[in-house]
Amino acid sequence: MKGINSFTKNEVPRWTWWILIAYIVIAGFAFPAELQLWALSIGWFVFGGFCVLNYKSCGRIHCSITGPGFIGVGFIMLFEAAGLFDIPNWIIWAIFGMVLATGYGLEFRNKKLTGSCYKC
């Protein structure tokens, strides 16, 4: 069983997550309006892709939810950037919050039941 702070050699390094968070914040506030949605969709796709990679290498339960969830948010942003629909920002943030709450909630539940936050 892996410890909560252990890493495998294939796991995405923590500093990469901080760079992605900074990119999302910068894209959301500092990019020109005509590029903002495109840049944010790229950021969400990268976040989701890294979560999927982490799940394949380390097996954290939340990654199995957040990976596809963030890719889904990336598609929503991509469709909005392409002009297919206009969705209020609060809905995007609500979806993001639900994905995080579900992923980490299931991981917390599994940790309570089995003592591990990793897949069986």
C-alpha atoms as a PDB file:
ATOM      1  CA  MET A   1       0.000   0.000   0.000  1.00  0.00           C
ATOM      2  CA  LYS A   2       1.300   3.444  -0.891  1.00  0.00           C
ATOM      3  CA  GLY A   3       1.576   6.184   1.708  1.00  0.00           C
ATOM      4  CA  ILE A   4      -0.342   9.394   1.191  1.00  0.00           C
ATOM      5  CA  ASN A   5       2.856  11.362   0.517  1.00  0.00           C
ATOM      6  CA  SER A   6       4.657   8.763  -1.558  1.00  0.00           C
ATOM      7  CA  PHE A   7       5.290   9.337  -5.241  1.00  0.00           C
ATOM      8  CA  THR A   8       5.950   7.030  -8.118  1.00  0.00           C
ATOM      9  CA  LYS A   9       8.535   7.947 -10.733  1.00  0.00           C
ATOM     10  CA  ASN A  10       5.801   8.476 -13.351  1.00  0.00           C
ATOM     11  CA  GLU A  11       3.692  10.818 -11.231  1.00  0.00           C
ATOM     12  CA  VAL A  12       3.359  14.421 -12.367  1.00  0.00           C
ATOM     13  CA  PRO A  13       5.553  16.577 -10.060  1.00  0.00           C
ATOM     14  CA  ARG A  14       3.783  18.953  -7.661  1.00  0.00           C
ATOM     15  CA  TRP A  15       5.469  22.034  -9.110  1.00  0.00           C
ATOM     16  CA  THR A  16       3.726  21.284 -12.419  1.00  0.00           C
ATOM     17  CA  TRP A  17       0.332  21.652 -10.737  1.00  0.00           C
ATOM     18  CA  TRP A  18       1.329  25.066  -9.363  1.00  0.00           C
ATOM     19  CA  ILE A  19       2.406  26.194 -12.834  1.00  0.00           C
ATOM     20  CA  LEU A  20      -0.943  25.045 -14.242  1.00  0.00           C
ATOM     21  CA  ILE A  21      -2.861  26.889 -11.523  1.00  0.00           C
ATOM     22  CA  ALA A  22      -0.847  30.041 -12.281  1.00  0.00           C
ATOM     23  CA  TYR A  23      -1.554  29.604 -16.001  1.00  0.00           C
ATOM     24  CA  ILE A  24      -5.315  29.302 -15.383  1.00  0.00           C
ATOM     25  CA  VAL A  25      -5.305  32.424 -13.182  1.00  0.00           C
ATOM     26  CA  ILE A  26      -3.242  34.422 -15.682  1.00  0.00           C
ATOM     27  CA  ALA A  27      -5.360  33.218 -18.609  1.00  0.00           C
ATOM     28  CA  GLY A  28      -8.535  34.107 -16.743  1.00  0.00           C
ATOM     29  CA  PHE A  29      -7.490  37.600 -15.751  1.00  0.00           C
ATOM     30  CA  ALA A  30      -4.686  38.831 -17.990  1.00  0.00           C
ATOM     31  CA  PHE A  31      -5.258  37.359 -21.451  1.00  0.00           C
ATOM     32  CA  PRO A  32      -7.088  39.445 -24.053  1.00  0.00           C
ATOM     33  CA  ALA A  33     -10.826  38.704 -24.184  1.00  0.00           C
ATOM     34  CA  GLU A  34     -10.635  37.128 -27.652  1.00  0.00           C
ATOM     35  CA  LEU A  35      -8.022  34.594 -26.448  1.00  0.00           C
ATOM     36  CA  GLN A  36      -9.225  34.029 -22.917  1.00  0.00           C
ATOM     37  CA  LEU A  37     -11.685  31.171 -23.490  1.00  0.00           C
ATOM     38  CA  TRP A  38      -9.321  29.369 -25.858  1.00  0.00           C
ATOM     39  CA  ALA A  39      -6.476  29.642 -23.337  1.00  0.00           C
ATOM     40  CA  LEU A  40      -8.689  28.469 -20.482  1.00  0.00           C
ATOM     41  CA  SER A  41      -9.900  25.458 -22.447  1.00  0.00           C
ATOM     42  CA  ILE A  42      -6.287  24.453 -23.106  1.00  0.00           C
ATOM     43  CA  GLY A  43      -5.559  24.783 -19.394  1.00  0.00           C
ATOM     44  CA  TRP A  44      -8.490  22.547 -18.443  1.00  0.00           C
ATOM     45  CA  PHE A  45      -7.482  19.926 -21.015  1.00  0.00           C
ATOM     46  CA  VAL A  46      -3.936  19.894 -19.615  1.00  0.00           C
ATOM     47  CA  PHE A  47      -5.237  19.652 -16.036  1.00  0.00           C
ATOM     48  CA  GLY A  48      -7.482  16.738 -16.992  1.00  0.00           C
ATOM     49  CA  GLY A  49      -4.731  15.030 -18.947  1.00  0.00           C
ATOM     50  CA  PHE A  50      -2.320  15.281 -16.024  1.00  0.00           C
ATOM     51  CA  CYS A  51      -4.969  13.838 -13.701  1.00  0.00           C
ATOM     52  CA  VAL A  52      -5.475  10.902 -16.069  1.00  0.00           C
ATOM     53  CA  LEU A  53      -1.686  10.362 -16.233  1.00  0.00           C
ATOM     54  CA  ASN A  54      -1.484  10.455 -12.460  1.00  0.00           C
ATOM     55  CA  TYR A  55      -4.301   7.959 -12.133  1.00  0.00           C
ATOM     56  CA  LYS A  56      -2.533   5.593 -14.506  1.00  0.00           C
ATOM     57  CA  SER A  57       0.731   5.886 -12.554  1.00  0.00           C
ATOM     58  CA  CYS A  58      -0.315   6.274  -8.921  1.00  0.00           C
ATOM     59  CA  GLY A  59      -3.970   5.260  -8.794  1.00  0.00           C
ATOM     60  CA  ARG A  60      -5.292   8.040  -6.536  1.00  0.00           C
ATOM     61  CA  ILE A  61      -9.067   7.734  -6.533  1.00  0.00           C
ATOM     62  CA  HIS A  62      -9.743  11.449  -7.008  1.00  0.00           C
ATOM     63  CA  CYS A  63      -7.724  11.408 -10.262  1.00  0.00           C
ATOM     64  CA  SER A  64     -10.210   8.947 -11.771  1.00  0.00           C
ATOM     65  CA  ILE A  65     -12.941  11.593 -11.305  1.00  0.00           C
ATOM     66  CA  THR A  66     -11.059  14.870 -11.743  1.00  0.00           C
ATOM     67  CA  GLY A  67      -9.301  13.785 -14.945  1.00  0.00           C
ATOM     68  CA  PRO A  68     -12.429  13.198 -17.019  1.00  0.00           C
ATOM     69  CA  GLY A  69     -14.223  16.018 -15.177  1.00  0.00           C
ATOM     70  CA  PHE A  70     -11.589  18.620 -16.042  1.00  0.00           C
ATOM     71  CA  ILE A  71     -11.483  17.393 -19.634  1.00  0.00           C
ATOM     72  CA  GLY A  72     -15.260  17.887 -19.677  1.00  0.00           C
ATOM     73  CA  VAL A  73     -14.815  21.459 -18.420  1.00  0.00           C
ATOM     74  CA  GLY A  74     -12.235  21.931 -21.182  1.00  0.00           C
ATOM     75  CA  PHE A  75     -14.823  20.889 -23.768  1.00  0.00           C
ATOM     76  CA  ILE A  76     -17.402  23.265 -22.313  1.00  0.00           C
ATOM     77  CA  MET A  77     -14.890  26.116 -22.532  1.00  0.00           C
ATOM     78  CA  LEU A  78     -13.894  25.064 -26.054  1.00  0.00           C
ATOM     79  CA  PHE A  79     -17.513  25.040 -27.238  1.00  0.00           C
ATOM     80  CA  GLU A  80     -18.047  28.427 -25.647  1.00  0.00           C
ATOM     81  CA  ALA A  81     -14.890  29.806 -27.294  1.00  0.00           C
ATOM     82  CA  ALA A  82     -16.126  28.495 -30.652  1.00  0.00           C
ATOM     83  CA  GLY A  83     -19.382  30.370 -30.125  1.00  0.00           C
ATOM     84  CA  LEU A  84     -21.606  27.283 -29.900  1.00  0.00           C
ATOM     85  CA  PHE A  85     -23.216  28.505 -26.677  1.00  0.00           C
ATOM     86  CA  ASP A  86     -22.765  31.045 -23.915  1.00  0.00           C
ATOM     87  CA  ILE A  87     -22.609  29.658 -20.410  1.00  0.00           C
ATOM     88  CA  PRO A  88     -22.352  31.814 -17.264  1.00  0.00           C
ATOM     89  CA  ASN A  89     -19.061  31.575 -15.361  1.00  0.00           C
ATOM     90  CA  TRP A  90     -20.801  30.462 -12.185  1.00  0.00           C
ATOM     91  CA  ILE A  91     -21.919  27.263 -13.943  1.00  0.00           C
ATOM     92  CA  ILE A  92     -18.325  26.472 -14.948  1.00  0.00           C
ATOM     93  CA  TRP A  93     -17.186  27.037 -11.357  1.00  0.00           C
ATOM     94  CA  ALA A  94     -20.091  24.942 -10.035  1.00  0.00           C
ATOM     95  CA  ILE A  95     -19.115  22.043 -12.315  1.00  0.00           C
ATOM     96  CA  PHE A  96     -15.479  22.427 -11.219  1.00  0.00           C
ATOM     97  CA  GLY A  97     -16.570  22.363  -7.557  1.00  0.00           C
ATOM     98  CA  MET A  98     -18.757  19.290  -8.090  1.00  0.00           C
ATOM     99  CA  VAL A  99     -15.912  17.450  -9.825  1.00  0.00           C
ATOM    100  CA  LEU A 100     -13.515  18.254  -6.963  1.00  0.00           C
ATOM    101  CA  ALA A 101     -16.058  17.430  -4.253  1.00  0.00           C
ATOM    102  CA  THR A 102     -16.960  14.120  -5.898  1.00  0.00           C
ATOM    103  CA  GLY A 103     -13.364  13.078  -6.550  1.00  0.00           C
ATOM    104  CA  TYR A 104     -11.995  13.977  -3.154  1.00  0.00           C
ATOM    105  CA  GLY A 105     -15.197  12.878  -1.401  1.00  0.00           C
ATOM    106  CA  LEU A 106     -14.935   9.381  -2.856  1.00  0.00           C
ATOM    107  CA  GLU A 107     -11.239   9.278  -2.008  1.00  0.00           C
ATOM    108  CA  PHE A 108     -11.966  10.370   1.578  1.00  0.00           C
ATOM    109  CA  ARG A 109     -14.715   7.745   1.863  1.00  0.00           C
ATOM    110  CA  ASN A 110     -12.403   5.011   0.570  1.00  0.00           C
ATOM    111  CA  LYS A 111      -9.672   6.113   2.968  1.00  0.00           C
ATOM    112  CA  LYS A 112     -12.114   5.833   5.871  1.00  0.00           C
ATOM    113  CA  LEU A 113     -13.332   2.395   4.741  1.00  0.00           C
ATOM    114  CA  THR A 114     -10.069   0.805   3.594  1.00  0.00           C
ATOM    115  CA  GLY A 115      -7.327   3.036   4.977  1.00  0.00           C
ATOM    116  CA  SER A 116      -6.093   3.910   1.504  1.00  0.00           C
ATOM    117  CA  CYS A 117      -6.746   6.733  -0.961  1.00  0.00           C
ATOM    118  CA  TYR A 118      -5.530   4.556  -3.833  1.00  0.00           C
ATOM    119  CA  LYS A 119      -7.418   2.156  -6.073  1.00  0.00           C
ATOM    120  CA  CYS A 120      -7.576  -1.412  -4.869  1.00  0.00           C
END
